Amino acid sequence: MNRINIKKFGFAFGLTAAILYIGCMVVMFTAGREGTIDFFNSLLHGLDTTSIIRMDVPFWEAIIGMIQTFIIGWLTGALIAAFYNAQLKR
């Protein structure tokens, strides 16, 4: 079996997470409050998001959130790759 490059896998995971975050921003921007609530209610299997949807997110907060999401994604991907590599027979 081949080893996974931890940094590259982490980057791929982080970038994927950041793109999903941008997708969420696009939904909120284009669908409006009611459309956003409908979208996330259906995505989250009936969980009512009405009370937690906040549409007045400042630009700087969205950028910080995207960076944080990338970092968490990178760490998740790097850990998955490290755990995978640790299980390989030497």
N, C-alpha and C. Protein backbone atom coordinates (compact mmCIF):
# COMPACT_ATOMS: atom_id res chain seq x y z
N MET A 1 0.84 -1.19 0.00
CA MET A 1 0.00 0.00 0.00
C MET A 1 0.88 1.25 0.00
N ASN A 2 0.39 2.30 -0.61
CA ASN A 2 1.13 3.56 -0.66
C ASN A 2 0.81 4.42 0.55
N ARG A 3 1.78 5.21 0.94
CA ARG A 3 1.57 6.15 2.04
C ARG A 3 0.90 7.41 1.48
N ILE A 4 0.16 8.08 2.32
CA ILE A 4 -0.50 9.33 1.93
C ILE A 4 0.36 10.50 2.40
N ASN A 5 0.58 11.46 1.51
CA ASN A 5 1.31 12.67 1.90
C ASN A 5 0.41 13.48 2.83
N ILE A 6 0.84 13.61 4.07
CA ILE A 6 0.01 14.23 5.11
C ILE A 6 -0.32 15.68 4.78
N LYS A 7 0.68 16.45 4.36
CA LYS A 7 0.44 17.87 4.07
C LYS A 7 -0.49 18.06 2.88
N LYS A 8 -0.30 17.27 1.83
CA LYS A 8 -1.15 17.40 0.64
C LYS A 8 -2.58 16.96 0.92
N PHE A 9 -2.73 15.88 1.67
CA PHE A 9 -4.07 15.40 2.00
C PHE A 9 -4.78 16.41 2.91
N GLY A 10 -4.04 16.96 3.86
CA GLY A 10 -4.60 18.00 4.73
C GLY A 10 -5.03 19.21 3.94
N PHE A 11 -4.20 19.63 2.98
CA PHE A 11 -4.54 20.77 2.14
C PHE A 11 -5.79 20.49 1.33
N ALA A 12 -5.89 19.29 0.76
CA ALA A 12 -7.07 18.93 -0.03
C ALA A 12 -8.33 18.96 0.83
N PHE A 13 -8.23 18.44 2.04
CA PHE A 13 -9.37 18.45 2.95
C PHE A 13 -9.75 19.89 3.32
N GLY A 14 -8.74 20.69 3.66
CA GLY A 14 -8.99 22.07 4.05
C GLY A 14 -9.60 22.88 2.92
N LEU A 15 -9.09 22.70 1.71
CA LEU A 15 -9.63 23.43 0.56
C LEU A 15 -11.06 23.00 0.26
N THR A 16 -11.33 21.71 0.39
CA THR A 16 -12.69 21.22 0.19
C THR A 16 -13.64 21.84 1.21
N ALA A 17 -13.23 21.89 2.46
CA ALA A 17 -14.06 22.49 3.51
C ALA A 17 -14.30 23.97 3.23
N ALA A 18 -13.26 24.69 2.79
CA ALA A 18 -13.40 26.12 2.49
C ALA A 18 -14.35 26.34 1.32
N ILE A 19 -14.30 25.46 0.32
CA ILE A 19 -15.21 25.58 -0.82
C ILE A 19 -16.65 25.32 -0.38
N LEU A 20 -16.86 24.36 0.50
CA LEU A 20 -18.20 24.13 1.04
C LEU A 20 -18.68 25.33 1.83
N TYR A 21 -17.79 25.99 2.56
CA TYR A 21 -18.13 27.20 3.30
C TYR A 21 -18.57 28.30 2.33
N ILE A 22 -17.84 28.45 1.24
CA ILE A 22 -18.20 29.43 0.22
C ILE A 22 -19.56 29.09 -0.38
N GLY A 23 -19.83 27.79 -0.58
CA GLY A 23 -21.13 27.36 -1.08
C GLY A 23 -22.25 27.77 -0.14
N CYS A 24 -22.00 27.66 1.16
CA CYS A 24 -22.98 28.11 2.15
C CYS A 24 -23.20 29.61 2.03
N MET A 25 -22.13 30.37 1.83
CA MET A 25 -22.26 31.81 1.66
C MET A 25 -23.09 32.14 0.42
N VAL A 26 -22.88 31.41 -0.65
CA VAL A 26 -23.62 31.64 -1.89
C VAL A 26 -25.11 31.36 -1.68
N VAL A 27 -25.42 30.26 -0.98
CA VAL A 27 -26.82 29.94 -0.70
C VAL A 27 -27.46 31.08 0.09
N MET A 28 -26.78 31.55 1.12
CA MET A 28 -27.33 32.62 1.95
C MET A 28 -27.52 33.91 1.15
N PHE A 29 -26.57 34.20 0.26
CA PHE A 29 -26.62 35.43 -0.52
C PHE A 29 -27.73 35.40 -1.58
N THR A 30 -27.93 34.23 -2.19
CA THR A 30 -28.87 34.15 -3.30
C THR A 30 -30.28 33.73 -2.90
N ALA A 31 -30.42 32.93 -1.85
CA ALA A 31 -31.73 32.38 -1.51
C ALA A 31 -32.51 33.24 -0.53
N GLY A 32 -31.86 34.17 0.14
CA GLY A 32 -32.54 34.97 1.15
C GLY A 32 -32.79 34.17 2.42
N ARG A 33 -33.39 34.80 3.40
CA ARG A 33 -33.58 34.16 4.71
C ARG A 33 -34.45 32.90 4.62
N GLU A 34 -35.62 33.01 4.00
CA GLU A 34 -36.55 31.88 3.95
C GLU A 34 -35.97 30.73 3.12
N GLY A 35 -35.33 31.04 2.01
CA GLY A 35 -34.71 30.01 1.18
C GLY A 35 -33.57 29.32 1.90
N THR A 36 -32.80 30.10 2.65
CA THR A 36 -31.69 29.53 3.42
C THR A 36 -32.21 28.60 4.51
N ILE A 37 -33.26 29.04 5.19
CA ILE A 37 -33.87 28.20 6.23
C ILE A 37 -34.40 26.91 5.62
N ASP A 38 -35.11 27.01 4.50
CA ASP A 38 -35.63 25.81 3.83
C ASP A 38 -34.51 24.87 3.40
N PHE A 39 -33.44 25.43 2.84
CA PHE A 39 -32.31 24.63 2.37
C PHE A 39 -31.67 23.86 3.53
N PHE A 40 -31.35 24.57 4.61
CA PHE A 40 -30.66 23.91 5.72
C PHE A 40 -31.58 23.01 6.53
N ASN A 41 -32.88 23.33 6.60
CA ASN A 41 -33.81 22.42 7.26
C ASN A 41 -33.87 21.08 6.52
N SER A 42 -33.89 21.13 5.20
CA SER A 42 -33.94 19.88 4.44
C SER A 42 -32.60 19.15 4.48
N LEU A 43 -31.52 19.89 4.50
CA LEU A 43 -30.19 19.28 4.54
C LEU A 43 -29.93 18.61 5.89
N LEU A 44 -30.46 19.16 6.95
CA LEU A 44 -30.20 18.66 8.30
C LEU A 44 -31.32 17.76 8.81
N HIS A 45 -32.04 17.12 7.91
CA HIS A 45 -33.03 16.09 8.24
C HIS A 45 -34.07 16.56 9.24
N GLY A 46 -34.64 17.72 9.01
CA GLY A 46 -35.74 18.18 9.83
C GLY A 46 -35.36 19.05 11.01
N LEU A 47 -34.08 19.25 11.25
CA LEU A 47 -33.67 20.17 12.31
C LEU A 47 -34.10 21.57 11.92
N ASP A 48 -34.80 22.26 12.80
CA ASP A 48 -35.31 23.60 12.49
C ASP A 48 -34.22 24.64 12.75
N THR A 49 -33.74 25.27 11.69
CA THR A 49 -32.65 26.24 11.80
C THR A 49 -33.16 27.68 11.88
N THR A 50 -34.46 27.86 11.98
CA THR A 50 -35.05 29.20 11.96
C THR A 50 -34.42 30.12 13.01
N SER A 51 -34.23 29.63 14.21
CA SER A 51 -33.74 30.49 15.30
C SER A 51 -32.23 30.71 15.27
N ILE A 52 -31.49 29.95 14.45
CA ILE A 52 -30.03 30.11 14.45
C ILE A 52 -29.48 30.72 13.17
N ILE A 53 -30.31 30.91 12.15
CA ILE A 53 -29.85 31.54 10.90
C ILE A 53 -29.70 33.03 11.14
N ARG A 54 -28.51 33.54 10.86
CA ARG A 54 -28.23 34.97 11.00
C ARG A 54 -27.78 35.49 9.64
N MET A 55 -28.54 36.34 9.05
CA MET A 55 -28.27 36.82 7.69
C MET A 55 -27.35 38.04 7.65
N ASP A 56 -27.18 38.73 8.75
CA ASP A 56 -26.37 39.96 8.76
C ASP A 56 -24.93 39.67 9.22
N VAL A 57 -24.27 38.75 8.53
CA VAL A 57 -22.89 38.38 8.86
C VAL A 57 -21.95 39.38 8.18
N PRO A 58 -21.11 40.07 8.97
CA PRO A 58 -20.16 41.01 8.36
C PRO A 58 -19.14 40.28 7.48
N PHE A 59 -18.63 40.98 6.48
CA PHE A 59 -17.67 40.39 5.55
C PHE A 59 -16.44 39.85 6.27
N TRP A 60 -15.89 40.62 7.22
CA TRP A 60 -14.69 40.18 7.93
C TRP A 60 -14.95 38.91 8.72
N GLU A 61 -16.16 38.76 9.26
CA GLU A 61 -16.49 37.56 10.03
C GLU A 61 -16.59 36.34 9.11
N ALA A 62 -17.11 36.55 7.91
CA ALA A 62 -17.19 35.46 6.93
C ALA A 62 -15.79 35.01 6.51
N ILE A 63 -14.88 35.96 6.32
CA ILE A 63 -13.50 35.62 5.93
C ILE A 63 -12.81 34.85 7.06
N ILE A 64 -12.96 35.32 8.30
CA ILE A 64 -12.38 34.62 9.45
C ILE A 64 -12.96 33.21 9.54
N GLY A 65 -14.26 33.08 9.34
CA GLY A 65 -14.91 31.76 9.38
C GLY A 65 -14.37 30.83 8.31
N MET A 66 -14.13 31.37 7.11
CA MET A 66 -13.58 30.55 6.03
C MET A 66 -12.17 30.09 6.36
N ILE A 67 -11.36 30.97 6.93
CA ILE A 67 -9.99 30.61 7.33
C ILE A 67 -10.03 29.54 8.43
N GLN A 68 -10.90 29.73 9.41
CA GLN A 68 -11.02 28.74 10.49
C GLN A 68 -11.48 27.39 9.95
N THR A 69 -12.41 27.42 9.02
CA THR A 69 -12.89 26.18 8.41
C THR A 69 -11.78 25.49 7.66
N PHE A 70 -10.96 26.25 6.92
CA PHE A 70 -9.81 25.67 6.22
C PHE A 70 -8.85 25.02 7.21
N ILE A 71 -8.55 25.69 8.31
CA ILE A 71 -7.60 25.15 9.29
C ILE A 71 -8.14 23.87 9.91
N ILE A 72 -9.41 23.87 10.30
CA ILE A 72 -10.00 22.66 10.87
C ILE A 72 -10.01 21.53 9.85
N GLY A 73 -10.33 21.85 8.60
CA GLY A 73 -10.29 20.85 7.53
C GLY A 73 -8.89 20.32 7.31
N TRP A 74 -7.89 21.21 7.31
CA TRP A 74 -6.50 20.78 7.13
C TRP A 74 -6.09 19.83 8.25
N LEU A 75 -6.40 20.20 9.48
CA LEU A 75 -6.05 19.35 10.61
C LEU A 75 -6.76 18.00 10.53
N THR A 76 -8.01 17.99 10.13
CA THR A 76 -8.75 16.74 9.99
C THR A 76 -8.12 15.85 8.92
N GLY A 77 -7.84 16.42 7.76
CA GLY A 77 -7.21 15.65 6.69
C GLY A 77 -5.84 15.14 7.07
N ALA A 78 -5.04 15.98 7.73
CA ALA A 78 -3.70 15.56 8.15
C ALA A 78 -3.77 14.43 9.16
N LEU A 79 -4.72 14.50 10.07
CA LEU A 79 -4.88 13.42 11.05
C LEU A 79 -5.32 12.12 10.39
N ILE A 80 -6.26 12.21 9.45
CA ILE A 80 -6.69 11.01 8.74
C ILE A 80 -5.52 10.37 8.01
N ALA A 81 -4.73 11.18 7.32
CA ALA A 81 -3.57 10.66 6.59
C ALA A 81 -2.54 10.06 7.56
N ALA A 82 -2.30 10.73 8.68
CA ALA A 82 -1.33 10.22 9.65
C ALA A 82 -1.79 8.90 10.25
N PHE A 83 -3.08 8.81 10.60
CA PHE A 83 -3.61 7.56 11.15
C PHE A 83 -3.55 6.44 10.10
N TYR A 84 -3.86 6.76 8.86
CA TYR A 84 -3.79 5.79 7.78
C TYR A 84 -2.34 5.28 7.62
N ASN A 85 -1.41 6.22 7.56
CA ASN A 85 0.00 5.84 7.40
C ASN A 85 0.49 5.02 8.58
N ALA A 86 0.04 5.32 9.78
CA ALA A 86 0.48 4.59 10.96
C ALA A 86 0.01 3.13 10.94
N GLN A 87 -1.07 2.85 10.23
CA GLN A 87 -1.61 1.48 10.17
C GLN A 87 -0.97 0.61 9.09
N LEU A 88 -0.18 1.23 8.22
CA LEU A 88 0.45 0.46 7.15
C LEU A 88 1.55 -0.43 7.71
N LYS A 89 1.70 -1.59 7.12
CA LYS A 89 2.80 -2.48 7.51
C LYS A 89 4.10 -1.89 6.98
N ARG A 90 5.09 -1.91 7.78
CA ARG A 90 6.38 -1.31 7.40
C ARG A 90 7.10 -2.17 6.39
